[in-house]
Amino acid sequence: MEYLNAKALAASVIYSLLGIIILVVSFYVFNKLTPGTLRKEIMEEHNTALAILGAAFMLAVAIIISAAIHG
């Protein structure tokens, strides 16, 4: 069971939580920089373009965070 190293597992969990926190904070900043509220526009107004933009933003930030953590 060499691959189940407790130190590596703890590092993975910590980096995952750190990445999620950074992603949530960056999405909050993105929400504040855009006019109106994203939730209202996407859920009530059915703005598909804004939903795609938000998803693309989340994917881009997730890729950047994973590259920064992975090295």
C-alpha atoms as a PDB file:
ATOM      1  CA  MET A   1       0.000   0.000   0.000  1.00  0.00           C
ATOM      2  CA  GLU A   2       2.716   2.447  -0.942  1.00  0.00           C
ATOM      3  CA  TYR A   3       0.360   4.618  -2.940  1.00  0.00           C
ATOM      4  CA  LEU A   4      -1.814   5.388   0.113  1.00  0.00           C
ATOM      5  CA  ASN A   5       0.565   7.816   1.732  1.00  0.00           C
ATOM      6  CA  ALA A   6      -1.164   9.809   4.493  1.00  0.00           C
ATOM      7  CA  LYS A   7       0.920  12.906   3.792  1.00  0.00           C
ATOM      8  CA  ALA A   8       0.032  12.868   0.082  1.00  0.00           C
ATOM      9  CA  LEU A   9      -3.630  12.285   0.864  1.00  0.00           C
ATOM     10  CA  ALA A  10      -3.714  15.193   3.311  1.00  0.00           C
ATOM     11  CA  ALA A  11      -1.977  17.447   0.793  1.00  0.00           C
ATOM     12  CA  SER A  12      -4.516  16.489  -1.883  1.00  0.00           C
ATOM     13  CA  VAL A  13      -7.443  17.287   0.405  1.00  0.00           C
ATOM     14  CA  ILE A  14      -5.939  20.610   1.498  1.00  0.00           C
ATOM     15  CA  TYR A  15      -5.127  21.663  -2.076  1.00  0.00           C
ATOM     16  CA  SER A  16      -8.609  20.630  -3.223  1.00  0.00           C
ATOM     17  CA  LEU A  17     -10.260  22.715  -0.512  1.00  0.00           C
ATOM     18  CA  LEU A  18      -7.962  25.645  -1.274  1.00  0.00           C
ATOM     19  CA  GLY A  19      -8.834  25.393  -4.970  1.00  0.00           C
ATOM     20  CA  ILE A  20     -12.562  25.313  -4.232  1.00  0.00           C
ATOM     21  CA  ILE A  21     -12.274  28.353  -1.961  1.00  0.00           C
ATOM     22  CA  ILE A  22     -10.347  30.294  -4.609  1.00  0.00           C
ATOM     23  CA  LEU A  23     -12.919  29.306  -7.245  1.00  0.00           C
ATOM     24  CA  VAL A  24     -15.849  30.464  -5.086  1.00  0.00           C
ATOM     25  CA  VAL A  25     -14.144  33.763  -4.244  1.00  0.00           C
ATOM     26  CA  SER A  26     -13.285  34.426  -7.889  1.00  0.00           C
ATOM     27  CA  PHE A  27     -16.871  33.658  -8.931  1.00  0.00           C
ATOM     28  CA  TYR A  28     -18.123  36.073  -6.267  1.00  0.00           C
ATOM     29  CA  VAL A  29     -15.814  38.763  -7.661  1.00  0.00           C
ATOM     30  CA  PHE A  30     -17.031  37.940 -11.188  1.00  0.00           C
ATOM     31  CA  ASN A  31     -20.623  38.282  -9.973  1.00  0.00           C
ATOM     32  CA  LYS A  32     -19.868  41.703  -8.448  1.00  0.00           C
ATOM     33  CA  LEU A  33     -18.140  42.962 -11.612  1.00  0.00           C
ATOM     34  CA  THR A  34     -21.060  42.120 -13.895  1.00  0.00           C
ATOM     35  CA  PRO A  35     -24.131  44.353 -13.955  1.00  0.00           C
ATOM     36  CA  GLY A  36     -27.178  42.890 -12.221  1.00  0.00           C
ATOM     37  CA  THR A  37     -27.207  39.524 -10.497  1.00  0.00           C
ATOM     38  CA  LEU A  38     -26.184  36.373 -12.309  1.00  0.00           C
ATOM     39  CA  ARG A  39     -28.716  34.245 -10.467  1.00  0.00           C
ATOM     40  CA  LYS A  40     -31.662  36.419 -11.507  1.00  0.00           C
ATOM     41  CA  GLU A  41     -30.502  36.660 -15.105  1.00  0.00           C
ATOM     42  CA  ILE A  42     -29.872  32.931 -15.461  1.00  0.00           C
ATOM     43  CA  MET A  43     -32.734  31.479 -13.404  1.00  0.00           C
ATOM     44  CA  GLU A  44     -35.541  33.964 -13.983  1.00  0.00           C
ATOM     45  CA  GLU A  45     -34.695  35.587 -17.313  1.00  0.00           C
ATOM     46  CA  HIS A  46     -33.292  32.358 -18.853  1.00  0.00           C
ATOM     47  CA  ASN A  47     -30.209  34.109 -20.206  1.00  0.00           C
ATOM     48  CA  THR A  48     -28.380  31.197 -21.851  1.00  0.00           C
ATOM     49  CA  ALA A  49     -25.474  33.313 -23.051  1.00  0.00           C
ATOM     50  CA  LEU A  50     -24.738  34.481 -19.519  1.00  0.00           C
ATOM     51  CA  ALA A  51     -24.951  30.907 -18.225  1.00  0.00           C
ATOM     52  CA  ILE A  52     -22.411  29.820 -20.840  1.00  0.00           C
ATOM     53  CA  LEU A  53     -20.159  32.760 -19.946  1.00  0.00           C
ATOM     54  CA  GLY A  54     -20.341  31.878 -16.244  1.00  0.00           C
ATOM     55  CA  ALA A  55     -19.570  28.226 -16.963  1.00  0.00           C
ATOM     56  CA  ALA A  56     -16.633  29.175 -19.187  1.00  0.00           C
ATOM     57  CA  PHE A  57     -15.307  31.473 -16.467  1.00  0.00           C
ATOM     58  CA  MET A  58     -15.564  28.723 -13.844  1.00  0.00           C
ATOM     59  CA  LEU A  59     -13.805  26.220 -16.124  1.00  0.00           C
ATOM     60  CA  ALA A  60     -11.030  28.667 -16.959  1.00  0.00           C
ATOM     61  CA  VAL A  61     -10.377  29.507 -13.314  1.00  0.00           C
ATOM     62  CA  ALA A  62     -10.501  25.799 -12.380  1.00  0.00           C
ATOM     63  CA  ILE A  63      -7.900  24.979 -15.040  1.00  0.00           C
ATOM     64  CA  ILE A  64      -5.652  27.792 -13.848  1.00  0.00           C
ATOM     65  CA  ILE A  65      -5.978  26.691 -10.205  1.00  0.00           C
ATOM     66  CA  SER A  66      -5.275  23.047 -11.033  1.00  0.00           C
ATOM     67  CA  ALA A  67      -2.201  24.008 -13.082  1.00  0.00           C
ATOM     68  CA  ALA A  68      -0.935  26.191 -10.251  1.00  0.00           C
ATOM     69  CA  ILE A  69      -1.449  23.466  -7.661  1.00  0.00           C
ATOM     70  CA  HIS A  70      -0.119  20.632  -9.794  1.00  0.00           C
ATOM     71  CA  GLY A  71       2.925  22.570 -10.907  1.00  0.00           C
END
